């Protein structure tokens, strides 16, 4: 599931996958993407809400 287009100030692309979250810079599609495990992403979201 794609999170969708981002505002001009946030040039990124991300997708929620069974294995976690994959993201990349949408202005550099040939560059590698970063995948974060589902548990690490859940920890990050939880910690950022505190």
Protein backbone atom coordinates (compact mmCIF):
# COMPACT_ATOMS: atom_id res chain seq x y z
CA UNK A 1 0.00 0.00 0.00
CA UNK A 2 1.53 3.28 -1.04
CA UNK A 3 1.30 6.16 1.37
CA UNK A 4 0.92 8.33 -1.72
CA UNK A 5 2.34 11.53 -3.10
CA UNK A 6 4.04 13.81 -0.67
CA UNK A 7 4.08 17.63 -0.64
CA UNK A 8 6.92 19.30 -2.56
CA UNK A 9 8.81 19.79 0.73
CA UNK A 10 8.76 16.03 1.42
CA UNK A 11 10.13 14.27 -1.67
CA UNK A 12 9.75 10.71 -0.49
CA UNK A 13 7.84 7.58 -1.38
CA UNK A 14 6.88 4.89 1.07
CA UNK A 15 4.95 1.64 1.07
CA UNK A 16 3.62 -0.46 3.91
CA UNK A 17 4.55 -4.09 3.26
CA UNK A 18 4.12 -7.28 5.30
CA UNK A 19 7.82 -7.14 6.18
CA UNK A 20 7.70 -3.48 7.24
CA UNK A 21 7.98 -0.07 5.64
CA UNK A 22 9.98 0.65 2.49
CA UNK A 23 10.89 4.23 1.61
CA UNK A 24 12.99 6.09 -0.91
CA UNK A 25 13.61 9.58 -2.28
CA UNK A 26 11.06 10.08 -5.06
CA UNK A 27 13.34 12.57 -6.81
CA UNK A 28 16.05 9.89 -7.09
CA UNK A 29 14.18 6.70 -8.05
CA UNK A 30 17.38 4.94 -9.10
CA UNK A 31 18.84 5.21 -5.61
CA UNK A 32 18.42 2.36 -3.13
CA UNK A 33 15.41 2.20 -0.85
CA UNK A 34 15.39 1.76 2.90
CA UNK A 35 13.31 -1.02 4.48
CA UNK A 36 12.45 -0.87 8.16
CA UNK A 37 11.03 -3.97 9.85
CA UNK A 38 7.42 -3.87 11.04
CA UNK A 39 8.51 -4.12 14.69
CA UNK A 40 11.10 -1.34 14.34
CA UNK A 41 8.55 0.90 12.59
CA UNK A 42 5.96 0.23 15.32
CA UNK A 43 8.55 1.09 17.98
CA UNK A 44 9.45 4.33 16.15
CA UNK A 45 5.80 5.40 15.80
CA UNK A 46 5.09 4.59 19.45
CA UNK A 47 8.20 6.45 20.66
CA UNK A 48 7.44 9.49 18.51
CA UNK A 49 3.99 9.83 20.09
CA UNK A 50 5.41 10.16 23.61
